[in-house]
Structures are given as structure tokens and as C-alpha cells.
């Protein structure tokens, strides 16, 4: 393995190039995770970025968060009696309850997944 260098002023710097990654859009929770890593876990963020695992990690977090949001919302709605009958009878009350459920589910997802310290990355 040979490393190519270029001269910048009086210094020779290595020509480092990240592997090509597919440009897939990252959802809301992936972007939130990226911002969290950048601001609060800069070493982990840099390690993931340089190893080429950052976007895969962000996609995985986003997908997992979306699945958990759907599951938690459905379970809370059933437990609290927010049904289609309520929607037909009183739409305003249904919207109020569903907004409350979605806000609580999102807080759980953010706490457990987006802002979590993951065991597999604990050594950085």
C-alpha cells in the first residue's frame, strides 16, 4: 500500500479520500443523531465518518426510530382508547389525543435511540 502526498506550503499532506457512499436521504431522526454526535460526541462522529460507517449508522437509527414511533403510537392509542369510533364522533378530541400520544412516543424514541450512548461505541 502506497500513500500519495501533496505539498501544501512547506508541508506534505496525505491525499485522503473517503470511500464513495450512496447518497440516500437521511430522515429527521438520522439528522438529529448526526447533530448530537457532532456536538456531544465529536470523537465518535469523526471515527464513524472516517471509517465510512456514519451514513449507514444514521440510516439505521432513522429506520429504527420510525419503526419504534409507529409501534409506540399504535400501542398507546389502543391502551388509551383512541379509536376510529372516537375519530368519527369527535375529531377534535381524537386529534388532541393523537398529538399527545405522538409527542410522548417521540420523547421516548429520542431518549432511547437518538441521544443514547450505544454499547458498541462505548470505547471511543
C-alpha atoms as a PDB file:
ATOM      1  CA  UNK A   1       0.000   0.000   0.000  1.00  0.00           C
ATOM      2  CA  UNK A   2       1.459   3.338  -1.037  1.00  0.00           C
ATOM      3  CA  UNK A   3       0.272   6.689   0.138  1.00  0.00           C
ATOM      4  CA  UNK A   4       0.272   9.666  -2.202  1.00  0.00           C
ATOM      5  CA  UNK A   5       1.146  13.106  -0.801  1.00  0.00           C
ATOM      6  CA  UNK A   6       0.693  16.646  -1.993  1.00  0.00           C
ATOM      7  CA  UNK A   7       2.660  19.717  -0.952  1.00  0.00           C
ATOM      8  CA  UNK A   8       0.766  22.440   0.852  1.00  0.00           C
ATOM      9  CA  UNK A   9       3.069  25.303   1.701  1.00  0.00           C
ATOM     10  CA  UNK A  10       6.057  23.756   3.458  1.00  0.00           C
ATOM     11  CA  UNK A  11       4.222  20.554   4.384  1.00  0.00           C
ATOM     12  CA  UNK A  12       3.465  17.294   2.631  1.00  0.00           C
ATOM     13  CA  UNK A  13      -0.064  16.120   3.400  1.00  0.00           C
ATOM     14  CA  UNK A  14      -1.512  12.696   2.530  1.00  0.00           C
ATOM     15  CA  UNK A  15      -4.179  12.530  -0.152  1.00  0.00           C
ATOM     16  CA  UNK A  16      -7.034  11.068   1.873  1.00  0.00           C
ATOM     17  CA  UNK A  17     -10.278  10.204   0.139  1.00  0.00           C
ATOM     18  CA  UNK A  18     -13.385   8.752   1.738  1.00  0.00           C
ATOM     19  CA  UNK A  19     -14.987   5.773   0.067  1.00  0.00           C
ATOM     20  CA  UNK A  20     -17.931   6.570  -2.149  1.00  0.00           C
ATOM     21  CA  UNK A  21     -21.203   6.199  -0.314  1.00  0.00           C
ATOM     22  CA  UNK A  22     -24.596   6.173  -1.898  1.00  0.00           C
ATOM     23  CA  UNK A  23     -26.328   9.482  -1.442  1.00  0.00           C
ATOM     24  CA  UNK A  24     -29.508   8.398   0.292  1.00  0.00           C
ATOM     25  CA  UNK A  25     -31.611  10.979   2.073  1.00  0.00           C
ATOM     26  CA  UNK A  26     -31.395  10.795   5.840  1.00  0.00           C
ATOM     27  CA  UNK A  27     -34.640  11.357   7.709  1.00  0.00           C
ATOM     28  CA  UNK A  28     -35.463  13.526  10.685  1.00  0.00           C
ATOM     29  CA  UNK A  29     -34.074  11.172  13.328  1.00  0.00           C
ATOM     30  CA  UNK A  30     -30.885  10.486  11.359  1.00  0.00           C
ATOM     31  CA  UNK A  31     -30.220  14.220  11.104  1.00  0.00           C
ATOM     32  CA  UNK A  32     -30.901  14.663  14.812  1.00  0.00           C
ATOM     33  CA  UNK A  33     -28.474  11.824  15.614  1.00  0.00           C
ATOM     34  CA  UNK A  34     -25.832  13.373  13.372  1.00  0.00           C
ATOM     35  CA  UNK A  35     -26.164  16.742  15.105  1.00  0.00           C
ATOM     36  CA  UNK A  36     -25.993  15.061  18.525  1.00  0.00           C
ATOM     37  CA  UNK A  37     -22.840  13.144  17.581  1.00  0.00           C
ATOM     38  CA  UNK A  38     -21.225  16.240  16.102  1.00  0.00           C
ATOM     39  CA  UNK A  39     -21.928  18.419  19.139  1.00  0.00           C
ATOM     40  CA  UNK A  40     -21.648  15.968  22.054  1.00  0.00           C
ATOM     41  CA  UNK A  41     -19.589  13.009  20.804  1.00  0.00           C
ATOM     42  CA  UNK A  42     -17.091  14.539  18.332  1.00  0.00           C
ATOM     43  CA  UNK A  43     -14.592  11.669  18.605  1.00  0.00           C
ATOM     44  CA  UNK A  44     -17.257   9.069  17.818  1.00  0.00           C
ATOM     45  CA  UNK A  45     -18.584  11.234  14.986  1.00  0.00           C
ATOM     46  CA  UNK A  46     -15.096  11.544  13.461  1.00  0.00           C
ATOM     47  CA  UNK A  47     -14.396   7.831  13.844  1.00  0.00           C
ATOM     48  CA  UNK A  48     -17.679   6.895  12.152  1.00  0.00           C
ATOM     49  CA  UNK A  49     -17.079   9.435   9.397  1.00  0.00           C
ATOM     50  CA  UNK A  50     -13.516   8.320   8.667  1.00  0.00           C
ATOM     51  CA  UNK A  51     -14.384   4.629   8.762  1.00  0.00           C
ATOM     52  CA  UNK A  52     -17.216   5.206   6.279  1.00  0.00           C
ATOM     53  CA  UNK A  53     -19.856   3.920   8.719  1.00  0.00           C
ATOM     54  CA  UNK A  54     -21.533   7.241   9.549  1.00  0.00           C
ATOM     55  CA  UNK A  55     -24.258   7.232   6.897  1.00  0.00           C
ATOM     56  CA  UNK A  56     -25.047   3.563   7.454  1.00  0.00           C
ATOM     57  CA  UNK A  57     -25.354   4.298  11.195  1.00  0.00           C
ATOM     58  CA  UNK A  58     -27.614   7.305  10.550  1.00  0.00           C
ATOM     59  CA  UNK A  59     -29.837   5.339   8.172  1.00  0.00           C
ATOM     60  CA  UNK A  60     -30.133   2.535  10.717  1.00  0.00           C
ATOM     61  CA  UNK A  61     -31.018   4.957  13.527  1.00  0.00           C
ATOM     62  CA  UNK A  62     -33.597   6.709  11.337  1.00  0.00           C
ATOM     63  CA  UNK A  63     -35.257   3.449  10.276  1.00  0.00           C
ATOM     64  CA  UNK A  64     -35.316   2.095  13.836  1.00  0.00           C
ATOM     65  CA  UNK A  65     -36.776   5.336  15.189  1.00  0.00           C
ATOM     66  CA  UNK A  66     -39.539   5.369  12.578  1.00  0.00           C
ATOM     67  CA  UNK A  67     -40.455   1.765  13.393  1.00  0.00           C
ATOM     68  CA  UNK A  68     -40.488   2.464  17.145  1.00  0.00           C
ATOM     69  CA  UNK A  69     -42.603   5.593  16.656  1.00  0.00           C
ATOM     70  CA  UNK A  70     -45.189   3.628  14.713  1.00  0.00           C
ATOM     71  CA  UNK A  71     -45.254   0.792  17.249  1.00  0.00           C
ATOM     72  CA  UNK A  72     -45.417   3.056  20.319  1.00  0.00           C
ATOM     73  CA  UNK A  73     -48.101   5.256  18.777  1.00  0.00           C
ATOM     74  CA  UNK A  74     -50.252   2.254  17.915  1.00  0.00           C
ATOM     75  CA  UNK A  75     -49.816   0.678  21.370  1.00  0.00           C
ATOM     76  CA  UNK A  76     -50.540   3.917  23.244  1.00  0.00           C
ATOM     77  CA  UNK A  77     -53.612   4.626  21.113  1.00  0.00           C
ATOM     78  CA  UNK A  78     -55.021   1.164  21.871  1.00  0.00           C
ATOM     79  CA  UNK A  79     -54.245   1.456  25.582  1.00  0.00           C
ATOM     80  CA  UNK A  80     -55.863   4.903  25.818  1.00  0.00           C
ATOM     81  CA  UNK A  81     -58.919   4.057  23.746  1.00  0.00           C
ATOM     82  CA  UNK A  82     -58.182   6.335  20.809  1.00  0.00           C
ATOM     83  CA  UNK A  83     -60.133   4.551  18.102  1.00  0.00           C
ATOM     84  CA  UNK A  84     -61.768   5.178  14.755  1.00  0.00           C
ATOM     85  CA  UNK A  85     -65.095   5.464  16.583  1.00  0.00           C
ATOM     86  CA  UNK A  86     -63.711   8.398  18.576  1.00  0.00           C
ATOM     87  CA  UNK A  87     -62.400   9.920  15.335  1.00  0.00           C
ATOM     88  CA  UNK A  88     -65.855   9.691  13.763  1.00  0.00           C
ATOM     89  CA  UNK A  89     -67.650  11.005  16.866  1.00  0.00           C
ATOM     90  CA  UNK A  90     -65.293  13.802  17.953  1.00  0.00           C
ATOM     91  CA  UNK A  91     -62.474  14.695  15.563  1.00  0.00           C
ATOM     92  CA  UNK A  92     -61.042  17.488  17.696  1.00  0.00           C
ATOM     93  CA  UNK A  93     -60.686  15.198  20.716  1.00  0.00           C
ATOM     94  CA  UNK A  94     -59.139  12.480  18.540  1.00  0.00           C
ATOM     95  CA  UNK A  95     -56.559  14.930  17.129  1.00  0.00           C
ATOM     96  CA  UNK A  96     -55.741  16.231  20.618  1.00  0.00           C
ATOM     97  CA  UNK A  97     -55.184  12.738  21.979  1.00  0.00           C
ATOM     98  CA  UNK A  98     -53.179  11.566  18.952  1.00  0.00           C
ATOM     99  CA  UNK A  99     -50.918  14.635  19.141  1.00  0.00           C
ATOM    100  CA  UNK A 100     -50.320  13.910  22.808  1.00  0.00           C
ATOM    101  CA  UNK A 101     -49.533  10.267  22.050  1.00  0.00           C
ATOM    102  CA  UNK A 102     -47.160  11.158  19.228  1.00  0.00           C
ATOM    103  CA  UNK A 103     -45.324  13.719  21.365  1.00  0.00           C
ATOM    104  CA  UNK A 104     -44.840  11.206  24.179  1.00  0.00           C
ATOM    105  CA  UNK A 105     -43.748   8.471  21.773  1.00  0.00           C
ATOM    106  CA  UNK A 106     -41.236  10.815  20.162  1.00  0.00           C
ATOM    107  CA  UNK A 107     -39.743  11.751  23.534  1.00  0.00           C
ATOM    108  CA  UNK A 108     -39.242   8.059  24.290  1.00  0.00           C
ATOM    109  CA  UNK A 109     -37.629   7.423  20.894  1.00  0.00           C
ATOM    110  CA  UNK A 110     -35.333  10.440  21.198  1.00  0.00           C
ATOM    111  CA  UNK A 111     -34.213   9.459  24.676  1.00  0.00           C
ATOM    112  CA  UNK A 112     -33.699   5.763  23.937  1.00  0.00           C
ATOM    113  CA  UNK A 113     -32.260   5.895  20.409  1.00  0.00           C
ATOM    114  CA  UNK A 114     -31.176   9.301  19.140  1.00  0.00           C
ATOM    115  CA  UNK A 115     -29.446  10.618  22.266  1.00  0.00           C
ATOM    116  CA  UNK A 116     -28.383   7.211  23.605  1.00  0.00           C
ATOM    117  CA  UNK A 117     -24.861   6.141  24.399  1.00  0.00           C
ATOM    118  CA  UNK A 118     -24.557   2.908  22.458  1.00  0.00           C
ATOM    119  CA  UNK A 119     -22.653  -0.009  23.976  1.00  0.00           C
ATOM    120  CA  UNK A 120     -20.910  -0.913  20.709  1.00  0.00           C
ATOM    121  CA  UNK A 121     -19.337   2.560  20.571  1.00  0.00           C
ATOM    122  CA  UNK A 122     -18.638   2.940  24.304  1.00  0.00           C
ATOM    123  CA  UNK A 123     -14.873   2.547  23.909  1.00  0.00           C
ATOM    124  CA  UNK A 124     -14.493   5.816  21.965  1.00  0.00           C
END
